[in-house]
Protein backbone atom coordinates (compact mmCIF):
# COMPACT_ATOMS: atom_id res chain seq x y z
CA MET A 1 77.85 56.99 51.57
CA ASP A 2 76.59 56.28 48.01
CA ARG A 3 79.53 58.00 46.36
CA THR A 4 83.28 58.05 46.77
CA PRO A 5 84.46 60.51 49.44
CA THR A 6 86.12 63.78 48.73
CA VAL A 7 89.69 64.49 49.85
CA ILE A 8 88.56 66.29 53.02
CA GLU A 9 86.01 63.62 53.87
CA ALA A 10 88.59 60.88 53.47
CA VAL A 11 91.10 62.71 55.63
CA LYS A 12 88.58 63.27 58.43
CA MET A 13 87.39 59.64 58.43
CA SER A 14 90.96 58.39 58.34
CA GLU A 15 92.03 60.65 61.18
CA GLY A 16 89.34 59.11 63.42
CA TYR A 17 90.30 55.60 62.35
CA LEU A 18 93.98 56.14 63.18
CA GLU A 19 93.19 57.79 66.50
CA LYS A 20 91.19 54.71 67.57
CA HIS A 21 94.33 52.68 66.93
CA GLY A 22 96.50 54.89 69.13
CA VAL A 23 98.38 56.69 66.34
CA GLU A 24 99.79 60.04 67.45
CA SER A 25 99.36 63.01 65.11
CA ALA A 26 96.71 61.01 63.28
CA ARG A 27 95.70 63.88 61.01
CA LEU A 28 99.28 64.32 59.79
CA SER A 29 99.55 60.60 58.95
CA ALA A 30 96.17 60.63 57.18
CA GLU A 31 97.21 63.59 55.04
CA HIS A 32 100.64 62.20 54.16
CA LEU A 33 99.23 58.84 53.16
CA LEU A 34 96.51 60.37 50.97
CA ALA A 35 99.07 62.61 49.29
CA LYS A 36 101.13 59.50 48.60
CA ALA A 37 98.12 57.75 47.00
CA LEU A 38 97.35 60.84 44.90
CA GLY A 39 100.96 61.41 43.91
CA CYS A 40 101.00 64.94 45.24
CA THR A 41 102.43 66.88 48.19
CA ARG A 42 100.59 67.13 51.48
CA LEU A 43 100.12 70.84 50.98
CA ASP A 44 98.51 70.18 47.59
CA LEU A 45 95.67 68.43 49.40
CA TYR A 46 94.47 71.77 50.67
CA LEU A 47 93.82 72.88 47.08
CA ARG A 48 91.95 69.65 46.32
CA PHE A 49 89.72 69.24 49.38
CA GLU A 50 86.48 68.97 47.35
CA GLU A 51 87.88 66.57 44.76
CA ALA A 52 86.21 63.15 44.72
CA LEU A 53 88.56 60.21 45.04
CA CYS A 54 88.60 57.36 42.54
CA GLU A 55 88.62 53.69 43.59
CA PRO A 56 92.29 52.95 42.69
CA VAL A 57 93.39 55.81 44.91
CA LEU A 58 91.08 54.69 47.69
CA GLY A 59 92.39 51.13 47.42
CA GLU A 60 96.00 52.22 47.95
CA TYR A 61 94.95 54.62 50.67
CA ARG A 62 93.05 51.96 52.62
CA SER A 63 95.99 49.56 52.39
CA ASP A 64 98.42 52.17 53.76
CA LEU A 65 96.02 53.23 56.49
CA LYS A 66 95.83 49.62 57.68
CA LYS A 67 99.62 49.51 57.85
CA ARG A 68 99.71 52.72 59.84
CA ALA A 69 97.01 51.39 62.19
CA ARG A 70 99.34 48.46 62.90
CA ARG A 71 101.77 51.21 64.06
CA ILE A 72 104.16 50.73 61.19
CA PRO A 73 106.13 54.03 61.15
CA LEU A 74 104.86 56.59 58.65
CA GLN A 75 108.32 56.95 57.17
CA TYR A 76 108.49 53.24 56.30
CA ILE A 77 105.16 53.44 54.51
CA LEU A 78 106.10 56.59 52.64
CA GLY A 79 109.53 55.17 51.85
CA GLU A 80 111.33 58.44 52.56
CA VAL A 81 112.15 61.01 55.20
CA GLU A 82 113.19 64.64 55.06
CA PHE A 83 116.36 65.61 56.94
CA ARG A 84 117.98 69.02 56.76
CA SER A 85 115.69 69.80 53.77
CA LEU A 86 117.09 66.77 51.90
CA THR A 87 115.11 63.69 50.99
CA PHE A 88 116.44 60.29 52.06
CA ARG A 89 114.93 56.98 51.07
CA ILE A 90 114.13 54.79 54.06
CA VAL A 91 113.33 51.08 54.39
CA GLU A 92 112.28 48.80 57.22
CA ASP A 93 115.06 47.59 59.53
CA VAL A 94 117.04 50.80 59.03
CA PHE A 95 116.89 53.48 61.75
CA ILE A 96 114.70 56.46 60.89
CA PRO A 97 116.56 59.79 61.28
CA ARG A 98 114.89 62.16 63.75
CA PRO A 99 114.50 65.92 63.49
CA GLU A 100 116.58 66.42 66.66
CA THR A 101 119.56 64.78 64.97
CA GLU A 102 119.62 67.72 62.56
CA LEU A 103 121.11 69.64 65.51
CA LEU A 104 124.09 67.29 65.50
CA VAL A 105 124.82 68.26 61.89
CA GLU A 106 124.42 71.91 62.87
CA LEU A 107 126.80 71.50 65.81
CA ALA A 108 129.39 69.78 63.64
CA GLY A 109 129.29 72.68 61.17
CA GLU A 110 129.66 75.17 64.04
CA LEU A 111 132.66 73.36 65.53
CA MET A 112 134.36 73.16 62.11
CA SER A 113 133.53 76.75 61.28
CA GLY A 114 136.16 78.43 59.09
CA ARG A 115 137.59 75.12 57.81
CA GLU A 116 136.66 74.57 54.18
CA ALA A 117 138.34 71.15 53.76
CA VAL A 118 137.19 68.75 56.48
CA ARG A 119 137.71 64.97 56.57
CA PHE A 120 135.06 63.24 58.69
CA ILE A 121 134.08 59.72 59.70
CA GLU A 122 130.65 58.63 60.88
CA PHE A 123 130.09 55.65 63.16
CA GLY A 124 126.76 53.88 62.42
CA THR A 125 125.48 55.79 59.43
CA GLY A 126 122.06 54.14 59.02
CA SER A 127 120.32 55.80 56.10
CA GLY A 128 123.33 58.06 55.51
CA ALA A 129 121.44 61.18 56.61
CA ILE A 130 124.17 62.71 58.79
CA SER A 131 127.01 62.16 56.34
CA GLY A 132 124.87 63.15 53.39
CA ALA A 133 123.79 66.39 55.04
CA LEU A 134 127.33 67.27 56.19
CA ALA A 135 128.73 66.85 52.69
CA ALA A 136 125.77 68.49 50.95
CA GLU A 137 126.02 71.58 53.14
CA ASN A 138 129.79 71.83 53.04
CA PRO A 139 131.20 71.36 49.51
CA GLY A 140 134.78 70.94 50.69
CA TRP A 141 134.04 68.11 53.12
CA THR A 142 134.79 64.44 52.43
CA GLY A 143 134.45 61.38 54.60
CA ILE A 144 133.76 57.80 55.42
CA ALA A 145 130.40 56.49 56.63
CA PHE A 146 130.10 52.96 57.96
CA ASP A 147 127.51 50.68 59.50
CA LYS A 148 127.54 47.06 60.67
CA SER A 149 124.27 46.39 58.82
CA ASP A 150 124.54 45.42 55.17
CA ALA A 151 121.04 46.78 54.52
CA ALA A 152 121.83 50.11 56.16
CA ALA A 153 125.11 50.54 54.31
CA ALA A 154 123.46 49.73 50.97
CA LEU A 155 120.69 52.26 51.67
CA ALA A 156 123.22 54.91 52.76
CA GLU A 157 125.24 54.36 49.60
CA ALA A 158 122.10 54.73 47.47
CA ASN A 159 121.03 57.89 49.28
CA ILE A 160 124.46 59.46 49.07
CA GLY A 161 124.58 58.59 45.39
CA ALA A 162 121.19 60.19 44.82
CA LEU A 163 122.57 63.41 46.31
CA GLY A 164 125.50 63.31 43.89
CA LEU A 165 127.99 62.79 46.72
CA SER A 166 129.41 59.33 45.88
CA GLY A 167 132.79 60.79 44.98
CA ARG A 168 133.13 62.46 48.37
CA ILE A 169 131.82 59.85 50.81
CA ASP A 170 132.91 56.24 51.00
CA VAL A 171 130.25 53.94 52.53
CA LEU A 172 131.58 50.77 54.17
CA VAL A 173 130.22 47.77 56.09
CA SER A 174 132.04 47.40 59.43
CA ASP A 175 131.24 46.84 63.07
CA GLY A 176 133.97 49.26 64.18
CA PHE A 177 136.49 51.82 62.99
CA GLY A 178 138.79 48.96 61.90
CA GLU A 179 141.91 49.31 59.84
CA PHE A 180 140.38 51.35 57.03
CA ALA A 181 140.91 54.54 59.03
CA GLU A 182 144.47 55.68 59.74
CA ALA A 183 145.42 57.44 62.92
CA GLY A 184 145.41 61.22 62.86
CA THR A 185 143.78 61.53 59.42
CA PHE A 186 140.39 62.94 60.38
CA ASP A 187 139.13 66.34 61.49
CA LEU A 188 135.73 65.16 62.75
CA VAL A 189 134.24 62.01 64.25
CA VAL A 190 130.44 62.14 64.36
CA SER A 191 127.87 59.62 65.50
CA ASN A 192 124.30 59.07 66.62
CA PRO A 193 124.94 55.67 68.23
CA PRO A 194 122.41 53.36 69.86
CA TYR A 195 121.78 54.88 73.29
CA ILE A 196 118.48 53.47 74.58
CA PRO A 197 118.98 51.30 77.71
CA ALA A 198 118.05 47.75 76.76
CA GLY A 199 115.38 47.50 79.44
CA ASP A 200 113.61 50.64 78.20
CA ILE A 201 113.04 49.62 74.59
CA GLU A 202 109.79 47.69 75.20
CA GLY A 203 108.34 50.78 76.90
CA LEU A 204 108.83 52.99 73.84
CA GLN A 205 105.95 53.79 71.48
CA ALA A 206 104.94 50.84 69.30
CA GLU A 207 106.32 52.41 66.15
CA VAL A 208 109.79 52.18 67.68
CA SER A 209 109.72 49.09 69.87
CA SER A 210 107.89 46.85 67.35
CA TRP A 211 109.28 48.09 64.02
CA GLU A 212 112.66 49.76 64.22
CA SER A 213 115.94 47.86 64.25
CA ARG A 214 116.73 46.75 67.80
CA THR A 215 120.42 46.90 66.92
CA ALA A 216 120.08 50.60 66.10
CA LEU A 217 118.39 51.31 69.43
CA ASP A 218 120.05 49.10 72.06
CA GLY A 219 122.86 50.86 73.89
CA GLY A 220 123.31 48.15 76.53
CA THR A 221 122.24 48.10 80.16
CA ASP A 222 122.74 51.82 80.74
CA GLY A 223 122.62 52.99 77.13
CA LEU A 224 126.28 53.98 77.16
CA ASP A 225 127.98 50.93 75.56
CA PHE A 226 129.18 52.67 72.38
CA TYR A 227 130.52 55.95 73.76
CA PRO A 228 133.82 54.60 75.15
CA ILE A 229 134.50 52.96 71.76
CA ILE A 230 133.79 56.20 69.88
CA ALA A 231 135.80 58.27 72.36
CA GLU A 232 138.88 56.06 72.50
CA ARG A 233 139.15 55.13 68.85
CA GLY A 234 137.94 58.49 67.74
CA PHE A 235 140.70 60.21 69.68
CA ARG A 236 143.27 58.07 67.83
CA LEU A 237 141.77 58.91 64.44
CA LEU A 238 141.66 62.65 64.93
CA GLY A 239 144.49 65.01 64.15
CA PRO A 240 145.36 67.98 66.35
CA GLY A 241 142.34 70.18 66.94
CA GLY A 242 140.00 67.45 65.70
CA VAL A 243 136.49 67.19 67.07
CA VAL A 244 134.20 64.39 68.21
CA ALA A 245 130.45 65.08 68.29
CA VAL A 246 127.83 62.57 69.39
CA GLU A 247 124.12 62.48 70.06
CA ILE A 248 123.02 61.29 73.48
CA GLY A 249 119.86 60.40 75.34
CA HIS A 250 118.43 62.75 77.97
CA GLY A 251 120.20 62.28 81.28
CA GLN A 252 123.38 60.91 79.71
CA GLY A 253 125.19 64.25 79.49
CA SER A 254 127.37 63.89 82.55
CA ALA A 255 128.32 60.31 81.87
CA VAL A 256 129.27 60.90 78.21
CA THR A 257 131.14 64.08 79.14
CA ASP A 258 133.21 62.04 81.61
CA ILE A 259 133.83 59.35 78.97
CA LEU A 260 135.19 61.93 76.48
CA LYS A 261 137.38 63.54 79.10
CA SER A 262 138.76 60.20 80.17
CA ALA A 263 139.71 59.49 76.56
CA GLY A 264 141.77 62.70 76.46
CA PHE A 265 139.38 65.22 74.92
CA ALA A 266 139.42 68.82 76.08
CA ALA A 267 136.83 71.59 75.90
CA VAL A 268 134.10 68.98 76.32
CA GLU A 269 130.62 70.48 76.26
CA MET A 270 127.04 69.24 76.43
CA ARG A 271 124.27 70.86 74.35
CA LYS A 272 120.49 70.66 74.77
CA ASP A 273 117.84 70.50 72.07
CA TYR A 274 114.98 72.93 71.51
CA ASN A 275 112.94 71.13 74.19
CA GLY A 276 115.63 71.64 76.77
CA LEU A 277 116.66 67.95 76.76
CA GLU A 278 120.28 66.85 76.83
CA ARG A 279 121.01 65.96 73.23
CA MET A 280 124.73 66.26 72.22
CA VAL A 281 128.22 66.15 73.64
CA ALA A 282 131.33 67.32 71.81
CA GLY A 283 135.02 67.50 72.63
CA ARG A 284 138.20 68.62 70.92
CA ARG A 285 141.59 66.93 70.70
CA GLY A 286 144.39 69.22 71.79
CA ASP A 287 147.24 70.27 69.50
């Protein structure tokens, strides 16, 4: 080609390139990365299909395409992710929030329905997406979000600050509930803990197994290591009528249900996601 490609030509060539490297939804990645290089939204590309690209844009685009071909997650390259219609900055070594986790936020809101002032605590906050969404959608809610990773806690604090929620959510570095949380002072314990069985991680798609934080994925031999901790300590932290809500892996519903019941929770229920996969378990502390 003796000229620079147009937007649509670049997208089509890039789609084929990414497909050859095993990237799923290659067209989507190609469009997002070109929008990044152009400084516009992905939808804006459709109004600019015949526009010729300049070399500086092509240079950035080629660089990002090479990263994506190495199976670096798209979110890490873009530096952000959308969650519950909110934008969260994301960096390497911090777990990328998934669309299905939005259902956990929805479930928490449902279980706390009718309560304007809710005090919550999140175990393993990562980017701060769950806590940020809970507080953003419920103006009377306040809470604590903690993570054992310094990098994750720093990112969560920045994201929560960008949402204007710093005065309502305290972000802490901790590897457990610790002494910063007093017994009976919370209405909601929420978590999307590591739940992938250790032996299954290498079999996940390359974007996950090669690039995401192993600490944020590894739930031990059976993927259930963190649920007894959340259940037992969460029960102590909750006041009467308080709720625990956790995300789970498919096939873990019965086991996590039993763990919550053994810790003393009542009205324990398992919920599925839109694909019919086991996704959440919740329980309530009695009065």
